[in-house]
Amino acid sequence: MSSLSLNRLEEVSGNTPITRYCLTEKENSILEVNNFTAKANGYDGGMENSSHSRETVYLGAQERQVWDTLISVLVRLPAALDRQLHKDSGLSHFEYQVLSILSERPERTLRMSVLASRVESALPRLSQVVARLEKRGWVTRATDPSDGRYTLATLTDAGMEKVVATAPGHVDMVRRLVFDPLTKTQLRQLQESGRRMLGAIEEQEL
């Protein structure tokens, strides 16, 4: 999302509607003229040929504040979790996710393709991470005996010990950053808001 969003001010010059969108708090702005006015002035800059067939509705001031807050959380929360895990356990948050997910599975095993879906990662990236974990003795990989097209990732006993040792510090940080600052009502609202946004995302992925 660009910064093209803060305010929308309608002005009228004769019969010509002009819409101003505020770019920044320093009042930089652009003028977007509607299709009719543009054509009347001999301009055909591709507005009708745009892949966006409907008029863009830019963010209002409150919406911009909500969006900025959400982006800050999405960027800074994983970074904070990474810092704690690196400092206390020598793991990235992504590496811990891989180990944790495997620890919860029967026989501590998953197909790599399924694991990639669970951690929302491309398979090549996951393969690189698992290779690092394998070198440290926490994960093994083997061909799936039921279907040779697939590779299984298995958490070793040493890997399970790593998860058990790492989990308390990680959970404490999650609680401090996410759960402690919010009331029970706010947590329920956060969960419902998250579900709604995930639903919208999943619709776009279809």
C-alpha atoms as a PDB file:
ATOM      1  CA  MET A   1       0.000   0.000   0.000  1.00  0.00           C
ATOM      2  CA  SER A   2       1.428   3.343  -0.993  1.00  0.00           C
ATOM      3  CA  SER A   3       0.989   6.485   1.050  1.00  0.00           C
ATOM      4  CA  LEU A   4      -1.663   7.622  -1.435  1.00  0.00           C
ATOM      5  CA  SER A   5      -4.497   7.647   1.026  1.00  0.00           C
ATOM      6  CA  LEU A   6      -4.976  10.115   3.854  1.00  0.00           C
ATOM      7  CA  ASN A   7      -7.771  12.474   2.901  1.00  0.00           C
ATOM      8  CA  ARG A   8     -10.284  12.871   0.110  1.00  0.00           C
ATOM      9  CA  LEU A   9     -11.565  16.380  -0.574  1.00  0.00           C
ATOM     10  CA  GLU A  10     -14.256  17.114  -3.150  1.00  0.00           C
ATOM     11  CA  GLU A  11     -14.016  20.382  -5.073  1.00  0.00           C
ATOM     12  CA  VAL A  12     -16.328  21.700  -7.755  1.00  0.00           C
ATOM     13  CA  SER A  13     -15.181  23.944 -10.586  1.00  0.00           C
ATOM     14  CA  GLY A  14     -18.195  24.745 -12.691  1.00  0.00           C
ATOM     15  CA  ASN A  15     -19.673  21.361 -13.624  1.00  0.00           C
ATOM     16  CA  THR A  16     -16.338  19.582 -13.303  1.00  0.00           C
ATOM     17  CA  PRO A  17     -15.846  17.404 -10.224  1.00  0.00           C
ATOM     18  CA  ILE A  18     -12.245  17.123  -9.096  1.00  0.00           C
ATOM     19  CA  THR A  19     -11.037  14.744  -6.406  1.00  0.00           C
ATOM     20  CA  ARG A  20      -7.911  15.509  -4.386  1.00  0.00           C
ATOM     21  CA  TYR A  21      -6.095  12.769  -2.533  1.00  0.00           C
ATOM     22  CA  CYS A  22      -3.667  13.807   0.196  1.00  0.00           C
ATOM     23  CA  LEU A  23      -0.394  11.903  -0.121  1.00  0.00           C
ATOM     24  CA  THR A  24       1.291  12.935   3.132  1.00  0.00           C
ATOM     25  CA  GLU A  25       0.705  15.009   6.205  1.00  0.00           C
ATOM     26  CA  LYS A  26       2.793  17.711   4.524  1.00  0.00           C
ATOM     27  CA  GLU A  27      -0.129  18.143   2.151  1.00  0.00           C
ATOM     28  CA  ASN A  28       1.483  16.859  -1.006  1.00  0.00           C
ATOM     29  CA  SER A  29      -1.360  15.954  -3.317  1.00  0.00           C
ATOM     30  CA  ILE A  30      -2.337  14.781  -6.737  1.00  0.00           C
ATOM     31  CA  LEU A  31      -5.444  15.480  -8.708  1.00  0.00           C
ATOM     32  CA  GLU A  32      -7.400  12.649 -10.264  1.00  0.00           C
ATOM     33  CA  VAL A  33      -9.969  13.743 -12.833  1.00  0.00           C
ATOM     34  CA  ASN A  34     -12.898  11.472 -13.617  1.00  0.00           C
ATOM     35  CA  ASN A  35     -13.203   9.682 -16.946  1.00  0.00           C
ATOM     36  CA  PHE A  36     -15.754  12.078 -18.386  1.00  0.00           C
ATOM     37  CA  THR A  37     -13.684  15.168 -17.631  1.00  0.00           C
ATOM     38  CA  ALA A  38     -10.515  13.513 -18.892  1.00  0.00           C
ATOM     39  CA  LYS A  39     -12.126  12.599 -22.205  1.00  0.00           C
ATOM     40  CA  ALA A  40     -13.564  16.095 -22.546  1.00  0.00           C
ATOM     41  CA  ASN A  41     -10.028  17.425 -22.373  1.00  0.00           C
ATOM     42  CA  GLY A  42      -8.740  14.950 -24.941  1.00  0.00           C
ATOM     43  CA  TYR A  43      -6.980  12.727 -22.405  1.00  0.00           C
ATOM     44  CA  ASP A  44      -7.107   8.958 -22.747  1.00  0.00           C
ATOM     45  CA  GLY A  45      -4.395   7.959 -20.321  1.00  0.00           C
ATOM     46  CA  GLY A  46      -5.648   4.428 -20.002  1.00  0.00           C
ATOM     47  CA  MET A  47      -8.104   4.945 -17.175  1.00  0.00           C
ATOM     48  CA  GLU A  48     -10.706   2.707 -18.800  1.00  0.00           C
ATOM     49  CA  ASN A  49      -8.046   0.204 -19.832  1.00  0.00           C
ATOM     50  CA  SER A  50      -6.814  -0.168 -16.277  1.00  0.00           C
ATOM     51  CA  SER A  51      -7.008  -3.639 -14.757  1.00  0.00           C
ATOM     52  CA  HIS A  52      -9.015  -1.997 -11.967  1.00  0.00           C
ATOM     53  CA  SER A  53     -12.475  -1.514 -13.481  1.00  0.00           C
ATOM     54  CA  ARG A  54     -13.968   0.192 -10.446  1.00  0.00           C
ATOM     55  CA  GLU A  55     -13.025   3.578  -9.040  1.00  0.00           C
ATOM     56  CA  THR A  56     -10.367   3.390  -6.345  1.00  0.00           C
ATOM     57  CA  VAL A  57     -11.661   4.323  -2.905  1.00  0.00           C
ATOM     58  CA  TYR A  58      -8.659   5.691  -1.029  1.00  0.00           C
ATOM     59  CA  LEU A  59      -8.249   5.359   2.722  1.00  0.00           C
ATOM     60  CA  GLY A  60      -9.697   7.948   5.043  1.00  0.00           C
ATOM     61  CA  ALA A  61      -7.753   9.317   8.003  1.00  0.00           C
ATOM     62  CA  GLN A  62      -9.004   6.730  10.502  1.00  0.00           C
ATOM     63  CA  GLU A  63      -8.589   3.889   8.025  1.00  0.00           C
ATOM     64  CA  ARG A  64      -5.021   5.011   7.367  1.00  0.00           C
ATOM     65  CA  GLN A  65      -4.260   4.951  11.091  1.00  0.00           C
ATOM     66  CA  VAL A  66      -5.668   1.424  11.371  1.00  0.00           C
ATOM     67  CA  TRP A  67      -3.677   0.292   8.329  1.00  0.00           C
ATOM     68  CA  ASP A  68      -0.434   1.844   9.590  1.00  0.00           C
ATOM     69  CA  THR A  69      -0.904   0.186  12.984  1.00  0.00           C
ATOM     70  CA  LEU A  70      -1.576  -3.206  11.401  1.00  0.00           C
ATOM     71  CA  ILE A  71       1.485  -2.961   9.159  1.00  0.00           C
ATOM     72  CA  SER A  72       3.649  -1.983  12.127  1.00  0.00           C
ATOM     73  CA  VAL A  73       2.455  -5.028  14.066  1.00  0.00           C
ATOM     74  CA  LEU A  74       2.961  -7.353  11.087  1.00  0.00           C
ATOM     75  CA  VAL A  75       6.544  -6.126  10.692  1.00  0.00           C
ATOM     76  CA  ARG A  76       7.639  -5.593  14.276  1.00  0.00           C
ATOM     77  CA  LEU A  77       6.030  -8.576  16.015  1.00  0.00           C
ATOM     78  CA  PRO A  78       7.894 -11.247  13.985  1.00  0.00           C
ATOM     79  CA  ALA A  79      11.099  -9.213  14.380  1.00  0.00           C
ATOM     80  CA  ALA A  80      10.672  -9.133  18.165  1.00  0.00           C
ATOM     81  CA  LEU A  81      10.030 -12.884  18.266  1.00  0.00           C
ATOM     82  CA  ASP A  82      13.084 -13.456  16.077  1.00  0.00           C
ATOM     83  CA  ARG A  83      15.284 -11.416  18.408  1.00  0.00           C
ATOM     84  CA  GLN A  84      14.193 -13.360  21.479  1.00  0.00           C
ATOM     85  CA  LEU A  85      14.629 -16.735  19.792  1.00  0.00           C
ATOM     86  CA  HIS A  86      18.036 -15.847  18.341  1.00  0.00           C
ATOM     87  CA  LYS A  87      19.255 -14.529  21.674  1.00  0.00           C
ATOM     88  CA  ASP A  88      17.984 -17.378  23.848  1.00  0.00           C
ATOM     89  CA  SER A  89      18.036 -20.383  21.512  1.00  0.00           C
ATOM     90  CA  GLY A  90      19.987 -19.597  18.347  1.00  0.00           C
ATOM     91  CA  LEU A  91      16.889 -20.116  16.201  1.00  0.00           C
ATOM     92  CA  SER A  92      14.900 -17.929  13.844  1.00  0.00           C
ATOM     93  CA  HIS A  93      11.149 -17.729  14.315  1.00  0.00           C
ATOM     94  CA  PHE A  94      10.708 -19.651  11.063  1.00  0.00           C
ATOM     95  CA  GLU A  95      13.043 -22.426  12.233  1.00  0.00           C
ATOM     96  CA  TYR A  96      11.185 -22.668  15.521  1.00  0.00           C
ATOM     97  CA  GLN A  97       7.869 -22.908  13.664  1.00  0.00           C
ATOM     98  CA  VAL A  98       9.181 -25.865  11.669  1.00  0.00           C
ATOM     99  CA  LEU A  99      10.384 -27.689  14.773  1.00  0.00           C
ATOM    100  CA  SER A 100       7.236 -26.879  16.736  1.00  0.00           C
ATOM    101  CA  ILE A 101       4.859 -28.085  14.023  1.00  0.00           C
ATOM    102  CA  LEU A 102       6.754 -31.357  13.653  1.00  0.00           C
ATOM    103  CA  SER A 103       6.712 -31.850  17.430  1.00  0.00           C
ATOM    104  CA  GLU A 104       2.899 -31.854  17.411  1.00  0.00           C
ATOM    105  CA  ARG A 105       2.485 -34.469  14.679  1.00  0.00           C
ATOM    106  CA  PRO A 106       2.072 -38.230  15.117  1.00  0.00           C
ATOM    107  CA  GLU A 107       5.544 -39.772  15.015  1.00  0.00           C
ATOM    108  CA  ARG A 108       6.790 -36.169  14.706  1.00  0.00           C
ATOM    109  CA  THR A 109       6.706 -36.537  10.901  1.00  0.00           C
ATOM    110  CA  LEU A 110       5.200 -34.632   7.968  1.00  0.00           C
ATOM    111  CA  ARG A 111       5.630 -34.594   4.227  1.00  0.00           C
ATOM    112  CA  MET A 112       7.732 -31.634   3.193  1.00  0.00           C
ATOM    113  CA  SER A 113       4.952 -30.363   0.933  1.00  0.00           C
ATOM    114  CA  VAL A 114       2.462 -30.403   3.815  1.00  0.00           C
ATOM    115  CA  LEU A 115       4.968 -28.762   6.136  1.00  0.00           C
ATOM    116  CA  ALA A 116       5.532 -26.015   3.561  1.00  0.00           C
ATOM    117  CA  SER A 117       1.805 -25.338   3.536  1.00  0.00           C
ATOM    118  CA  ARG A 118       1.656 -25.251   7.327  1.00  0.00           C
ATOM    119  CA  VAL A 119       4.440 -22.682   7.613  1.00  0.00           C
ATOM    120  CA  GLU A 120       3.174 -20.835   4.501  1.00  0.00           C
ATOM    121  CA  SER A 121       6.488 -21.124   2.708  1.00  0.00           C
ATOM    122  CA  ALA A 122       7.650 -22.028  -0.766  1.00  0.00           C
ATOM    123  CA  LEU A 123       9.082 -25.547  -0.804  1.00  0.00           C
ATOM    124  CA  PRO A 124      12.593 -24.457  -1.931  1.00  0.00           C
ATOM    125  CA  ARG A 125      12.905 -22.064   1.012  1.00  0.00           C
ATOM    126  CA  LEU A 126      11.658 -24.704   3.438  1.00  0.00           C
ATOM    127  CA  SER A 127      14.125 -27.226   2.021  1.00  0.00           C
ATOM    128  CA  GLN A 128      17.008 -24.836   2.732  1.00  0.00           C
ATOM    129  CA  VAL A 129      15.846 -24.292   6.304  1.00  0.00           C
ATOM    130  CA  VAL A 130      15.303 -27.997   6.959  1.00  0.00           C
ATOM    131  CA  ALA A 131      18.765 -28.722   5.551  1.00  0.00           C
ATOM    132  CA  ARG A 132      20.225 -26.386   8.197  1.00  0.00           C
ATOM    133  CA  LEU A 133      18.187 -28.038  10.931  1.00  0.00           C
ATOM    134  CA  GLU A 134      19.270 -31.437   9.636  1.00  0.00           C
ATOM    135  CA  LYS A 135      22.936 -30.461   9.954  1.00  0.00           C
ATOM    136  CA  ARG A 136      22.307 -29.558  13.580  1.00  0.00           C
ATOM    137  CA  GLY A 137      20.793 -32.972  14.234  1.00  0.00           C
ATOM    138  CA  TRP A 138      17.262 -31.775  14.892  1.00  0.00           C
ATOM    139  CA  VAL A 139      15.511 -33.056  11.754  1.00  0.00           C
ATOM    140  CA  THR A 140      15.975 -35.958   9.356  1.00  0.00           C
ATOM    141  CA  ARG A 141      14.634 -36.370   5.834  1.00  0.00           C
ATOM    142  CA  ALA A 142      13.726 -39.579   4.033  1.00  0.00           C
ATOM    143  CA  THR A 143      11.704 -40.725   1.048  1.00  0.00           C
ATOM    144  CA  ASP A 144       8.078 -41.458   1.892  1.00  0.00           C
ATOM    145  CA  PRO A 145       7.808 -45.286   1.789  1.00  0.00           C
ATOM    146  CA  SER A 146       4.142 -45.052   0.774  1.00  0.00           C
ATOM    147  CA  ASP A 147       4.879 -42.771  -2.192  1.00  0.00           C
ATOM    148  CA  GLY A 148       8.400 -42.223  -3.443  1.00  0.00           C
ATOM    149  CA  ARG A 149       7.479 -38.881  -4.973  1.00  0.00           C
ATOM    150  CA  TYR A 150       7.381 -37.297  -1.526  1.00  0.00           C
ATOM    151  CA  THR A 151       9.964 -36.547   1.159  1.00  0.00           C
ATOM    152  CA  LEU A 152       9.253 -36.898   4.865  1.00  0.00           C
ATOM    153  CA  ALA A 153      10.684 -34.593   7.510  1.00  0.00           C
ATOM    154  CA  THR A 154      10.993 -36.060  11.006  1.00  0.00           C
ATOM    155  CA  LEU A 155      11.864 -34.331  14.262  1.00  0.00           C
ATOM    156  CA  THR A 156      14.641 -36.213  16.049  1.00  0.00           C
ATOM    157  CA  ASP A 157      14.883 -36.774  19.803  1.00  0.00           C
ATOM    158  CA  ALA A 158      17.481 -33.994  19.920  1.00  0.00           C
ATOM    159  CA  GLY A 159      15.078 -31.770  17.986  1.00  0.00           C
ATOM    160  CA  MET A 160      12.315 -32.505  20.477  1.00  0.00           C
ATOM    161  CA  GLU A 161      14.644 -31.587  23.316  1.00  0.00           C
ATOM    162  CA  LYS A 162      15.378 -28.311  21.524  1.00  0.00           C
ATOM    163  CA  VAL A 163      11.670 -27.519  21.256  1.00  0.00           C
ATOM    164  CA  VAL A 164      11.090 -28.304  24.942  1.00  0.00           C
ATOM    165  CA  ALA A 165      14.014 -26.078  25.936  1.00  0.00           C
ATOM    166  CA  THR A 166      12.989 -23.230  23.617  1.00  0.00           C
ATOM    167  CA  ALA A 167       9.216 -23.151  24.144  1.00  0.00           C
ATOM    168  CA  PRO A 168       9.050 -21.476  27.588  1.00  0.00           C
ATOM    169  CA  GLY A 169      10.951 -18.345  26.541  1.00  0.00           C
ATOM    170  CA  HIS A 170       9.035 -18.102  23.270  1.00  0.00           C
ATOM    171  CA  VAL A 171       5.640 -18.510  24.923  1.00  0.00           C
ATOM    172  CA  ASP A 172       6.565 -15.919  27.544  1.00  0.00           C
ATOM    173  CA  MET A 173       7.436 -13.407  24.815  1.00  0.00           C
ATOM    174  CA  VAL A 174       4.201 -14.118  22.908  1.00  0.00           C
ATOM    175  CA  ARG A 175       2.212 -13.601  26.092  1.00  0.00           C
ATOM    176  CA  ARG A 176       4.011 -10.338  26.906  1.00  0.00           C
ATOM    177  CA  LEU A 177       3.595  -8.878  23.413  1.00  0.00           C
ATOM    178  CA  VAL A 178       0.154 -10.147  22.401  1.00  0.00           C
ATOM    179  CA  PHE A 179      -1.965 -11.382  25.297  1.00  0.00           C
ATOM    180  CA  ASP A 180      -0.959  -9.278  28.297  1.00  0.00           C
ATOM    181  CA  PRO A 181      -1.665  -5.874  26.641  1.00  0.00           C
ATOM    182  CA  LEU A 182      -5.236  -6.876  25.687  1.00  0.00           C
ATOM    183  CA  THR A 183      -8.404  -7.537  27.662  1.00  0.00           C
ATOM    184  CA  LYS A 184     -10.413 -10.724  27.126  1.00  0.00           C
ATOM    185  CA  THR A 185     -12.914  -8.746  25.073  1.00  0.00           C
ATOM    186  CA  GLN A 186     -10.155  -7.268  22.918  1.00  0.00           C
ATOM    187  CA  LEU A 187      -8.675 -10.735  22.377  1.00  0.00           C
ATOM    188  CA  ARG A 188     -12.041 -12.049  21.173  1.00  0.00           C
ATOM    189  CA  GLN A 189     -12.349  -9.058  18.849  1.00  0.00           C
ATOM    190  CA  LEU A 190      -8.810  -9.631  17.577  1.00  0.00           C
ATOM    191  CA  GLN A 191      -9.595 -13.272  16.858  1.00  0.00           C
ATOM    192  CA  GLU A 192     -12.794 -12.407  15.007  1.00  0.00           C
ATOM    193  CA  SER A 193     -11.082  -9.635  13.032  1.00  0.00           C
ATOM    194  CA  GLY A 194      -8.259 -12.000  12.114  1.00  0.00           C
ATOM    195  CA  ARG A 195     -10.712 -14.649  10.936  1.00  0.00           C
ATOM    196  CA  ARG A 196     -12.532 -12.144   8.757  1.00  0.00           C
ATOM    197  CA  MET A 197      -9.304 -10.902   7.173  1.00  0.00           C
ATOM    198  CA  LEU A 198      -8.090 -14.463   6.597  1.00  0.00           C
ATOM    199  CA  GLY A 199     -11.416 -15.261   4.954  1.00  0.00           C
ATOM    200  CA  ALA A 200     -11.003 -12.310   2.586  1.00  0.00           C
ATOM    201  CA  ILE A 201      -7.436 -13.399   1.812  1.00  0.00           C
ATOM    202  CA  GLU A 202      -8.536 -16.961   1.089  1.00  0.00           C
ATOM    203  CA  GLU A 203     -11.203 -15.679  -1.310  1.00  0.00           C
ATOM    204  CA  GLN A 204      -8.486 -13.832  -3.253  1.00  0.00           C
ATOM    205  CA  GLU A 205      -6.398 -16.997  -3.414  1.00  0.00           C
ATOM    206  CA  LEU A 206      -9.137 -19.043  -5.113  1.00  0.00           C
END
